[in-house]
Amino acid sequence: MSRPHGGEPNLAAIRGKGVPLISCSAGALGGSRAQAHLRRSFQVMGCVLIPETVTLPFAETAFAGDEPKHPAVREFVTIATGHLVDVADKMTG
């Protein structure tokens, strides 16, 4: 859901949802500056941020098919998404 339905207040569709920050960019920082901005924005919107973040630099050469080439990046993505599932399970009871 990206928009409130009926009489719901703004941000009702996103408030309280778990959010992992995973970015990829053509530059050397892998989107880390964008993550800093997004982290603040998601916090203001009332989201639950997953502490682990993943940045993937040099996007044009970083992938082998659909997956990152570097095993450590794959591991970080697995950890972050696993924690997202844990948080979602705790939030739903």
C-alpha atoms as a PDB file:
ATOM      1  CA  MET A   1       0.000   0.000   0.000  1.00  0.00           C
ATOM      2  CA  SER A   2       1.333   3.390  -0.871  1.00  0.00           C
ATOM      3  CA  ARG A   3      -1.714   5.578  -0.230  1.00  0.00           C
ATOM      4  CA  PRO A   4      -4.214   5.843   2.592  1.00  0.00           C
ATOM      5  CA  HIS A   5      -7.673   4.471   1.946  1.00  0.00           C
ATOM      6  CA  GLY A   6     -10.948   6.156   2.736  1.00  0.00           C
ATOM      7  CA  GLY A   7     -10.637   8.451   5.723  1.00  0.00           C
ATOM      8  CA  GLU A   8      -7.200   7.261   6.857  1.00  0.00           C
ATOM      9  CA  PRO A   9      -4.718   9.985   7.746  1.00  0.00           C
ATOM     10  CA  ASN A  10      -1.647  10.639   5.613  1.00  0.00           C
ATOM     11  CA  LEU A  11       1.167   8.157   6.194  1.00  0.00           C
ATOM     12  CA  ALA A  12      -1.244   5.538   7.545  1.00  0.00           C
ATOM     13  CA  ALA A  13      -0.166   3.173   4.786  1.00  0.00           C
ATOM     14  CA  ILE A  14       3.516   3.262   5.814  1.00  0.00           C
ATOM     15  CA  ARG A  15       3.594   4.164   9.522  1.00  0.00           C
ATOM     16  CA  GLY A  16       4.868   1.281  11.639  1.00  0.00           C
ATOM     17  CA  LYS A  17       6.171  -0.807   8.731  1.00  0.00           C
ATOM     18  CA  GLY A  18       9.620  -2.394   8.790  1.00  0.00           C
ATOM     19  CA  VAL A  19      12.133  -0.944   6.347  1.00  0.00           C
ATOM     20  CA  PRO A  20      15.593  -2.272   5.456  1.00  0.00           C
ATOM     21  CA  LEU A  21      17.950   0.179   3.742  1.00  0.00           C
ATOM     22  CA  ILE A  22      19.641  -1.514   0.794  1.00  0.00           C
ATOM     23  CA  SER A  23      21.131   0.663  -1.939  1.00  0.00           C
ATOM     24  CA  CYS A  24      23.193   0.296  -5.058  1.00  0.00           C
ATOM     25  CA  SER A  25      24.841   3.003  -7.126  1.00  0.00           C
ATOM     26  CA  ALA A  26      27.406   3.537  -9.840  1.00  0.00           C
ATOM     27  CA  GLY A  27      29.692   5.413  -7.441  1.00  0.00           C
ATOM     28  CA  ALA A  28      32.173   4.235  -4.835  1.00  0.00           C
ATOM     29  CA  LEU A  29      29.850   4.871  -1.874  1.00  0.00           C
ATOM     30  CA  GLY A  30      27.067   2.569  -3.042  1.00  0.00           C
ATOM     31  CA  GLY A  31      24.275   4.962  -2.125  1.00  0.00           C
ATOM     32  CA  SER A  32      25.326   5.546   1.488  1.00  0.00           C
ATOM     33  CA  ARG A  33      24.594   9.278   1.298  1.00  0.00           C
ATOM     34  CA  ALA A  34      21.106   8.552  -0.004  1.00  0.00           C
ATOM     35  CA  GLN A  35      20.611   6.078   2.836  1.00  0.00           C
ATOM     36  CA  ALA A  36      21.325   8.794   5.403  1.00  0.00           C
ATOM     37  CA  HIS A  37      18.579  10.942   3.906  1.00  0.00           C
ATOM     38  CA  LEU A  38      16.170   8.026   3.569  1.00  0.00           C
ATOM     39  CA  ARG A  39      16.799   6.917   7.161  1.00  0.00           C
ATOM     40  CA  ARG A  40      15.727  10.336   8.452  1.00  0.00           C
ATOM     41  CA  SER A  41      12.708  10.405   6.134  1.00  0.00           C
ATOM     42  CA  PHE A  42      11.523   6.951   7.168  1.00  0.00           C
ATOM     43  CA  GLN A  43      12.002   7.810  10.849  1.00  0.00           C
ATOM     44  CA  VAL A  44       9.847  10.927  10.460  1.00  0.00           C
ATOM     45  CA  MET A  45       7.182   8.798   8.758  1.00  0.00           C
ATOM     46  CA  GLY A  46       7.115   6.467  11.771  1.00  0.00           C
ATOM     47  CA  CYS A  47       8.682   3.410  10.139  1.00  0.00           C
ATOM     48  CA  VAL A  48      10.634   0.730  11.991  1.00  0.00           C
ATOM     49  CA  LEU A  49      14.132   0.733  10.493  1.00  0.00           C
ATOM     50  CA  ILE A  50      16.175  -2.433  10.387  1.00  0.00           C
ATOM     51  CA  PRO A  51      19.609  -1.562  11.899  1.00  0.00           C
ATOM     52  CA  GLU A  52      21.673  -3.376   9.264  1.00  0.00           C
ATOM     53  CA  THR A  53      22.213  -1.484   6.030  1.00  0.00           C
ATOM     54  CA  VAL A  54      23.660  -2.713   2.756  1.00  0.00           C
ATOM     55  CA  THR A  55      25.445  -0.560   0.181  1.00  0.00           C
ATOM     56  CA  LEU A  56      26.650  -1.882  -3.134  1.00  0.00           C
ATOM     57  CA  PRO A  57      29.112   0.330  -5.034  1.00  0.00           C
ATOM     58  CA  PHE A  58      29.986   0.182  -8.731  1.00  0.00           C
ATOM     59  CA  ALA A  59      26.622  -1.255  -9.712  1.00  0.00           C
ATOM     60  CA  GLU A  60      27.515  -1.732 -13.358  1.00  0.00           C
ATOM     61  CA  THR A  61      30.071  -4.428 -12.466  1.00  0.00           C
ATOM     62  CA  ALA A  62      28.715  -5.625  -9.113  1.00  0.00           C
ATOM     63  CA  PHE A  63      26.238  -8.233 -10.332  1.00  0.00           C
ATOM     64  CA  ALA A  64      26.493 -11.716 -11.769  1.00  0.00           C
ATOM     65  CA  GLY A  65      23.048 -12.263 -13.227  1.00  0.00           C
ATOM     66  CA  ASP A  66      20.475 -11.372 -10.565  1.00  0.00           C
ATOM     67  CA  GLU A  67      22.832 -11.587  -7.580  1.00  0.00           C
ATOM     68  CA  PRO A  68      25.736  -9.511  -6.293  1.00  0.00           C
ATOM     69  CA  LYS A  69      29.093 -11.018  -7.274  1.00  0.00           C
ATOM     70  CA  HIS A  70      30.678 -10.541  -3.861  1.00  0.00           C
ATOM     71  CA  PRO A  71      29.703 -13.215  -1.293  1.00  0.00           C
ATOM     72  CA  ALA A  72      29.877 -10.728   1.596  1.00  0.00           C
ATOM     73  CA  VAL A  73      27.263  -8.502  -0.045  1.00  0.00           C
ATOM     74  CA  ARG A  74      24.960 -11.506  -0.534  1.00  0.00           C
ATOM     75  CA  GLU A  75      25.463 -12.364   3.145  1.00  0.00           C
ATOM     76  CA  PHE A  76      24.677  -8.798   4.264  1.00  0.00           C
ATOM     77  CA  VAL A  77      21.480  -8.784   2.177  1.00  0.00           C
ATOM     78  CA  THR A  78      20.478 -12.133   3.679  1.00  0.00           C
ATOM     79  CA  ILE A  79      21.109 -10.814   7.209  1.00  0.00           C
ATOM     80  CA  ALA A  80      19.171  -7.582   6.617  1.00  0.00           C
ATOM     81  CA  THR A  81      16.189  -9.342   5.058  1.00  0.00           C
ATOM     82  CA  GLY A  82      16.248 -11.976   7.801  1.00  0.00           C
ATOM     83  CA  HIS A  83      16.039  -9.232  10.425  1.00  0.00           C
ATOM     84  CA  LEU A  84      13.196  -7.627   8.475  1.00  0.00           C
ATOM     85  CA  VAL A  85      11.293 -10.920   8.695  1.00  0.00           C
ATOM     86  CA  ASP A  86      12.044 -11.135  12.443  1.00  0.00           C
ATOM     87  CA  VAL A  87      10.761  -7.603  13.018  1.00  0.00           C
ATOM     88  CA  ALA A  88       7.648  -8.241  10.921  1.00  0.00           C
ATOM     89  CA  ASP A  89       6.935 -11.439  12.883  1.00  0.00           C
ATOM     90  CA  LYS A  90       7.233  -9.560  16.194  1.00  0.00           C
ATOM     91  CA  MET A  91       4.998  -6.773  14.933  1.00  0.00           C
ATOM     92  CA  THR A  92       2.249  -9.153  13.826  1.00  0.00           C
ATOM     93  CA  GLY A  93       2.275 -11.117  17.019  1.00  0.00           C
END
